[in-house]
Amino acid sequence: VEIPQELLDDLDEHVGDDGKFVNRSD
């Protein structure tokens, strides 16, 4: 999927060690 960078940046704030999700796919 293609998504705007701003949306991807918002998503990434919730991904990772300090986020709610393990990875983007999750």
PDB file of all heavy atoms in Angstrom:
ATOM      1  N   VAL A   1       0.843  -1.193   0.000  1.00  0.00           N
ATOM      2  CA  VAL A   1       0.000   0.000   0.000  1.00  0.00           C
ATOM      3  C   VAL A   1       0.878   1.242   0.000  1.00  0.00           C
ATOM      4  O   VAL A   1       1.957   1.232   0.564  1.00  0.00           O
ATOM      5  CB  VAL A   1      -0.927   0.094   1.235  1.00  0.00           C
ATOM      6  CG1 VAL A   1      -2.335  -0.241   0.935  1.00  0.00           C
ATOM      7  CG2 VAL A   1      -0.412  -0.670   2.389  1.00  0.00           C
ATOM      8  N   GLU A   2       0.374   2.279  -0.613  1.00  0.00           N
ATOM      9  CA  GLU A   2       1.055   3.568  -0.558  1.00  0.00           C
ATOM     10  C   GLU A   2       0.274   4.451   0.398  1.00  0.00           C
ATOM     11  O   GLU A   2      -0.949   4.547   0.301  1.00  0.00           O
ATOM     12  CB  GLU A   2       1.109   4.196  -1.948  1.00  0.00           C
ATOM     13  CG  GLU A   2       1.989   3.422  -2.905  1.00  0.00           C
ATOM     14  CD  GLU A   2       2.068   4.083  -4.269  1.00  0.00           C
ATOM     15  OE1 GLU A   2       1.732   5.283  -4.382  1.00  0.00           O
ATOM     16  OE2 GLU A   2       2.460   3.396  -5.216  1.00  0.00           O
ATOM     17  N   ILE A   3       0.994   5.061   1.345  1.00  0.00           N
ATOM     18  CA  ILE A   3       0.352   5.966   2.291  1.00  0.00           C
ATOM     19  C   ILE A   3       1.195   7.227   2.415  1.00  0.00           C
ATOM     20  O   ILE A   3       2.411   7.196   2.206  1.00  0.00           O
ATOM     21  CB  ILE A   3       0.147   5.321   3.685  1.00  0.00           C
ATOM     22  CG1 ILE A   3       1.476   4.943   4.322  1.00  0.00           C
ATOM     23  CG2 ILE A   3      -0.745   4.107   3.593  1.00  0.00           C
ATOM     24  CD1 ILE A   3       1.332   4.481   5.766  1.00  0.00           C
ATOM     25  N   PRO A   4       0.562   8.330   2.750  1.00  0.00           N
ATOM     26  CA  PRO A   4       1.312   9.578   2.908  1.00  0.00           C
ATOM     27  C   PRO A   4       2.345   9.466   4.041  1.00  0.00           C
ATOM     28  O   PRO A   4       2.127   8.761   5.028  1.00  0.00           O
ATOM     29  CB  PRO A   4       0.235  10.608   3.266  1.00  0.00           C
ATOM     30  CG  PRO A   4      -1.066   9.992   2.895  1.00  0.00           C
ATOM     31  CD  PRO A   4      -0.877   8.521   2.962  1.00  0.00           C
ATOM     32  N   GLN A   5       3.453  10.153   3.878  1.00  0.00           N
ATOM     33  CA  GLN A   5       4.524  10.115   4.877  1.00  0.00           C
ATOM     34  C   GLN A   5       4.027  10.518   6.263  1.00  0.00           C
ATOM     35  O   GLN A   5       4.421   9.935   7.268  1.00  0.00           O
ATOM     36  CB  GLN A   5       5.693  11.019   4.450  1.00  0.00           C
ATOM     37  CG  GLN A   5       6.901  10.913   5.361  1.00  0.00           C
ATOM     38  CD  GLN A   5       7.512   9.513   5.354  1.00  0.00           C
ATOM     39  OE1 GLN A   5       7.732   8.932   4.295  1.00  0.00           O
ATOM     40  NE2 GLN A   5       7.782   8.970   6.534  1.00  0.00           N
ATOM     41  N   GLU A   6       3.156  11.517   6.320  1.00  0.00           N
ATOM     42  CA  GLU A   6       2.636  11.985   7.608  1.00  0.00           C
ATOM     43  C   GLU A   6       1.899  10.859   8.349  1.00  0.00           C
ATOM     44  O   GLU A   6       2.059  10.693   9.559  1.00  0.00           O
ATOM     45  CB  GLU A   6       1.697  13.171   7.388  1.00  0.00           C
ATOM     46  CG  GLU A   6       1.131  13.727   8.676  1.00  0.00           C
ATOM     47  CD  GLU A   6       0.218  14.914   8.417  1.00  0.00           C
ATOM     48  OE1 GLU A   6       0.570  15.786   7.594  1.00  0.00           O
ATOM     49  OE2 GLU A   6      -0.855  14.959   9.048  1.00  0.00           O
ATOM     50  N   LEU A   7       1.118  10.074   7.613  1.00  0.00           N
ATOM     51  CA  LEU A   7       0.401   8.949   8.214  1.00  0.00           C
ATOM     52  C   LEU A   7       1.379   7.872   8.683  1.00  0.00           C
ATOM     53  O   LEU A   7       1.226   7.299   9.769  1.00  0.00           O
ATOM     54  CB  LEU A   7      -0.597   8.379   7.207  1.00  0.00           C
ATOM     55  CG  LEU A   7      -1.524   7.282   7.683  1.00  0.00           C
ATOM     56  CD1 LEU A   7      -2.351   7.727   8.878  1.00  0.00           C
ATOM     57  CD2 LEU A   7      -2.447   6.855   6.548  1.00  0.00           C
ATOM     58  N   LEU A   8       2.409   7.619   7.884  1.00  0.00           N
ATOM     59  CA  LEU A   8       3.429   6.644   8.269  1.00  0.00           C
ATOM     60  C   LEU A   8       4.178   7.104   9.518  1.00  0.00           C
ATOM     61  O   LEU A   8       4.452   6.305  10.419  1.00  0.00           O
ATOM     62  CB  LEU A   8       4.400   6.424   7.111  1.00  0.00           C
ATOM     63  CG  LEU A   8       5.449   5.338   7.316  1.00  0.00           C
ATOM     64  CD1 LEU A   8       4.814   3.987   7.587  1.00  0.00           C
ATOM     65  CD2 LEU A   8       6.361   5.273   6.104  1.00  0.00           C
ATOM     66  N   ASP A   9       4.487   8.380   9.596  1.00  0.00           N
ATOM     67  CA  ASP A   9       5.154   8.923  10.785  1.00  0.00           C
ATOM     68  C   ASP A   9       4.287   8.740  12.028  1.00  0.00           C
ATOM     69  O   ASP A   9       4.783   8.347  13.087  1.00  0.00           O
ATOM     70  CB  ASP A   9       5.484  10.399  10.590  1.00  0.00           C
ATOM     71  CG  ASP A   9       6.545  10.632   9.522  1.00  0.00           C
ATOM     72  OD1 ASP A   9       7.272   9.680   9.165  1.00  0.00           O
ATOM     73  OD2 ASP A   9       6.632  11.779   9.035  1.00  0.00           O
ATOM     74  N   ASP A  10       2.978   9.001  11.889  1.00  0.00           N
ATOM     75  CA  ASP A  10       2.060   8.805  13.012  1.00  0.00           C
ATOM     76  C   ASP A  10       2.009   7.336  13.422  1.00  0.00           C
ATOM     77  O   ASP A  10       2.025   7.013  14.612  1.00  0.00           O
ATOM     78  CB  ASP A  10       0.645   9.277  12.656  1.00  0.00           C
ATOM     79  CG  ASP A  10       0.536  10.788  12.590  1.00  0.00           C
ATOM     80  OD1 ASP A  10       1.459  11.476  13.064  1.00  0.00           O
ATOM     81  OD2 ASP A  10      -0.486  11.279  12.060  1.00  0.00           O
ATOM     82  N   LEU A  11       1.960   6.458  12.442  1.00  0.00           N
ATOM     83  CA  LEU A  11       1.942   5.021  12.725  1.00  0.00           C
ATOM     84  C   LEU A  11       3.198   4.602  13.477  1.00  0.00           C
ATOM     85  O   LEU A  11       3.134   3.875  14.476  1.00  0.00           O
ATOM     86  CB  LEU A  11       1.822   4.239  11.412  1.00  0.00           C
ATOM     87  CG  LEU A  11       1.871   2.717  11.523  1.00  0.00           C
ATOM     88  CD1 LEU A  11       0.599   2.196  12.168  1.00  0.00           C
ATOM     89  CD2 LEU A  11       2.079   2.093  10.164  1.00  0.00           C
ATOM     90  N   ASP A  12       4.338   5.069  13.006  1.00  0.00           N
ATOM     91  CA  ASP A  12       5.613   4.682  13.607  1.00  0.00           C
ATOM     92  C   ASP A  12       5.743   5.125  15.066  1.00  0.00           C
ATOM     93  O   ASP A  12       6.504   4.524  15.826  1.00  0.00           O
ATOM     94  CB  ASP A  12       6.777   5.228  12.782  1.00  0.00           C
ATOM     95  CG  ASP A  12       7.002   4.443  11.504  1.00  0.00           C
ATOM     96  OD1 ASP A  12       6.484   3.307  11.395  1.00  0.00           O
ATOM     97  OD2 ASP A  12       7.689   4.964  10.599  1.00  0.00           O
ATOM     98  N   GLU A  13       5.002   6.138  15.458  1.00  0.00           N
ATOM     99  CA  GLU A  13       5.038   6.563  16.861  1.00  0.00           C
ATOM    100  C   GLU A  13       4.461   5.497  17.795  1.00  0.00           C
ATOM    101  O   GLU A  13       4.722   5.509  18.993  1.00  0.00           O
ATOM    102  CB  GLU A  13       4.263   7.872  17.035  1.00  0.00           C
ATOM    103  CG  GLU A  13       4.953   9.069  16.427  1.00  0.00           C
ATOM    104  CD  GLU A  13       4.166  10.354  16.632  1.00  0.00           C
ATOM    105  OE1 GLU A  13       3.271  10.376  17.506  1.00  0.00           O
ATOM    106  OE2 GLU A  13       4.463  11.330  15.921  1.00  0.00           O
ATOM    107  N   HIS A  14       3.700   4.570  17.234  1.00  0.00           N
ATOM    108  CA  HIS A  14       3.045   3.523  18.032  1.00  0.00           C
ATOM    109  C   HIS A  14       3.709   2.156  17.862  1.00  0.00           C
ATOM    110  O   HIS A  14       3.211   1.154  18.365  1.00  0.00           O
ATOM    111  CB  HIS A  14       1.565   3.421  17.640  1.00  0.00           C
ATOM    112  CG  HIS A  14       0.828   4.692  17.861  1.00  0.00           C
ATOM    113  ND1 HIS A  14       0.415   5.106  19.102  1.00  0.00           N
ATOM    114  CD2 HIS A  14       0.445   5.665  16.990  1.00  0.00           C
ATOM    115  CE1 HIS A  14      -0.209   6.266  18.992  1.00  0.00           C
ATOM    116  NE2 HIS A  14      -0.191   6.633  17.723  1.00  0.00           N
ATOM    117  N   VAL A  15       4.826   2.107  17.161  1.00  0.00           N
ATOM    118  CA  VAL A  15       5.514   0.858  16.862  1.00  0.00           C
ATOM    119  C   VAL A  15       6.883   0.854  17.527  1.00  0.00           C
ATOM    120  O   VAL A  15       7.555   1.866  17.600  1.00  0.00           O
ATOM    121  CB  VAL A  15       5.674   0.681  15.332  1.00  0.00           C
ATOM    122  CG1 VAL A  15       6.512  -0.542  15.008  1.00  0.00           C
ATOM    123  CG2 VAL A  15       4.309   0.588  14.655  1.00  0.00           C
ATOM    124  N   GLY A  16       7.280  -0.326  18.031  1.00  0.00           N
ATOM    125  CA  GLY A  16       8.620  -0.473  18.596  1.00  0.00           C
ATOM    126  C   GLY A  16       8.588  -0.748  20.080  1.00  0.00           C
ATOM    127  O   GLY A  16       7.543  -1.015  20.674  1.00  0.00           O
ATOM    128  N   ASP A  17       9.755  -0.699  20.703  1.00  0.00           N
ATOM    129  CA  ASP A  17       9.901  -1.047  22.111  1.00  0.00           C
ATOM    130  C   ASP A  17       9.001  -0.221  23.028  1.00  0.00           C
ATOM    131  O   ASP A  17       8.460  -0.742  23.995  1.00  0.00           O
ATOM    132  CB  ASP A  17      11.359  -0.884  22.558  1.00  0.00           C
ATOM    133  CG  ASP A  17      12.272  -1.901  21.882  1.00  0.00           C
ATOM    134  OD1 ASP A  17      11.774  -2.955  21.443  1.00  0.00           O
ATOM    135  OD2 ASP A  17      13.483  -1.623  21.787  1.00  0.00           O
ATOM    136  N   ASP A  18       8.835   1.045  22.738  1.00  0.00           N
ATOM    137  CA  ASP A  18       8.005   1.916  23.583  1.00  0.00           C
ATOM    138  C   ASP A  18       6.582   2.065  23.056  1.00  0.00           C
ATOM    139  O   ASP A  18       5.785   2.791  23.640  1.00  0.00           O
ATOM    140  CB  ASP A  18       8.644   3.298  23.708  1.00  0.00           C
ATOM    141  CG  ASP A  18       9.989   3.239  24.422  1.00  0.00           C
ATOM    142  OD1 ASP A  18      10.152   2.358  25.287  1.00  0.00           O
ATOM    143  OD2 ASP A  18      10.868   4.066  24.096  1.00  0.00           O
ATOM    144  N   GLY A  19       6.270   1.389  21.955  1.00  0.00           N
ATOM    145  CA  GLY A  19       4.959   1.539  21.333  1.00  0.00           C
ATOM    146  C   GLY A  19       3.998   0.422  21.685  1.00  0.00           C
ATOM    147  O   GLY A  19       4.317  -0.507  22.436  1.00  0.00           O
ATOM    148  N   LYS A  20       2.819   0.516  21.149  1.00  0.00           N
ATOM    149  CA  LYS A  20       1.769  -0.465  21.397  1.00  0.00           C
ATOM    150  C   LYS A  20       1.926  -1.700  20.526  1.00  0.00           C
ATOM    151  O   LYS A  20       1.346  -2.738  20.818  1.00  0.00           O
ATOM    152  CB  LYS A  20       0.399   0.162  21.126  1.00  0.00           C
ATOM    153  CG  LYS A  20       0.077   1.360  21.980  1.00  0.00           C
ATOM    154  CD  LYS A  20      -1.218   2.023  21.489  1.00  0.00           C
ATOM    155  CE  LYS A  20      -1.409   3.381  22.104  1.00  0.00           C
ATOM    156  NZ  LYS A  20      -0.619   4.432  21.472  1.00  0.00           N
ATOM    157  N   PHE A  21       2.667  -1.595  19.417  1.00  0.00           N
ATOM    158  CA  PHE A  21       2.775  -2.674  18.443  1.00  0.00           C
ATOM    159  C   PHE A  21       4.227  -3.065  18.225  1.00  0.00           C
ATOM    160  O   PHE A  21       5.123  -2.234  18.302  1.00  0.00           O
ATOM    161  CB  PHE A  21       2.156  -2.253  17.107  1.00  0.00           C
ATOM    162  CG  PHE A  21       0.716  -1.837  17.242  1.00  0.00           C
ATOM    163  CD1 PHE A  21       0.375  -0.496  17.282  1.00  0.00           C
ATOM    164  CD2 PHE A  21      -0.284  -2.778  17.349  1.00  0.00           C
ATOM    165  CE1 PHE A  21      -0.945  -0.097  17.413  1.00  0.00           C
ATOM    166  CE2 PHE A  21      -1.613  -2.395  17.484  1.00  0.00           C
ATOM    167  CZ  PHE A  21      -1.949  -1.052  17.522  1.00  0.00           C
ATOM    168  N   VAL A  22       4.441  -4.327  17.909  1.00  0.00           N
ATOM    169  CA  VAL A  22       5.787  -4.860  17.692  1.00  0.00           C
ATOM    170  C   VAL A  22       6.387  -4.317  16.392  1.00  0.00           C
ATOM    171  O   VAL A  22       7.570  -3.998  16.329  1.00  0.00           O
ATOM    172  CB  VAL A  22       5.743  -6.403  17.651  1.00  0.00           C
ATOM    173  CG1 VAL A  22       7.098  -6.990  17.312  1.00  0.00           C
ATOM    174  CG2 VAL A  22       5.230  -6.954  18.965  1.00  0.00           C
ATOM    175  N   ASN A  23       5.546  -4.241  15.356  1.00  0.00           N
ATOM    176  CA  ASN A  23       6.024  -3.782  14.054  1.00  0.00           C
ATOM    177  C   ASN A  23       4.867  -3.152  13.273  1.00  0.00           C
ATOM    178  O   ASN A  23       3.720  -3.174  13.721  1.00  0.00           O
ATOM    179  CB  ASN A  23       6.672  -4.931  13.264  1.00  0.00           C
ATOM    180  CG  ASN A  23       5.748  -6.130  13.140  1.00  0.00           C
ATOM    181  OD1 ASN A  23       4.562  -5.983  12.862  1.00  0.00           O
ATOM    182  ND2 ASN A  23       6.289  -7.321  13.357  1.00  0.00           N
ATOM    183  N   ARG A  24       5.175  -2.610  12.126  1.00  0.00           N
ATOM    184  CA  ARG A  24       4.149  -1.955  11.311  1.00  0.00           C
ATOM    185  C   ARG A  24       3.049  -2.928  10.900  1.00  0.00           C
ATOM    186  O   ARG A  24       1.870  -2.585  10.901  1.00  0.00           O
ATOM    187  CB  ARG A  24       4.769  -1.354  10.048  1.00  0.00           C
ATOM    188  CG  ARG A  24       5.582  -0.107  10.298  1.00  0.00           C
ATOM    189  CD  ARG A  24       6.207   0.341   9.002  1.00  0.00           C
ATOM    190  NE  ARG A  24       6.937   1.603   9.169  1.00  0.00           N
ATOM    191  CZ  ARG A  24       7.725   2.113   8.231  1.00  0.00           C
ATOM    192  NH1 ARG A  24       7.879   1.482   7.077  1.00  0.00           N
ATOM    193  NH2 ARG A  24       8.352   3.250   8.451  1.00  0.00           N
ATOM    194  N   SER A  25       3.431  -4.136  10.521  1.00  0.00           N
ATOM    195  CA  SER A  25       2.433  -5.120  10.090  1.00  0.00           C
ATOM    196  C   SER A  25       1.424  -5.404  11.193  1.00  0.00           C
ATOM    197  O   SER A  25       0.216  -5.487  10.935  1.00  0.00           O
ATOM    198  CB  SER A  25       3.119  -6.425   9.661  1.00  0.00           C
ATOM    199  OG  SER A  25       3.858  -6.230   8.486  1.00  0.00           O
ATOM    200  N   ASP A  26       1.922  -5.562  12.398  1.00  0.00           N
ATOM    201  CA  ASP A  26       1.037  -5.799  13.546  1.00  0.00           C
ATOM    202  C   ASP A  26       0.073  -4.628  13.743  1.00  0.00           C
ATOM    203  O   ASP A  26      -1.127  -4.818  13.960  1.00  0.00           O
ATOM    204  CB  ASP A  26       1.889  -6.016  14.799  1.00  0.00           C
ATOM    205  CG  ASP A  26       1.080  -6.395  16.013  1.00  0.00           C
ATOM    206  OD1 ASP A  26       0.114  -7.175  15.887  1.00  0.00           O
ATOM    207  OD2 ASP A  26       1.433  -5.915  17.112  1.00  0.00           O
TER     208      ASP A  26
END
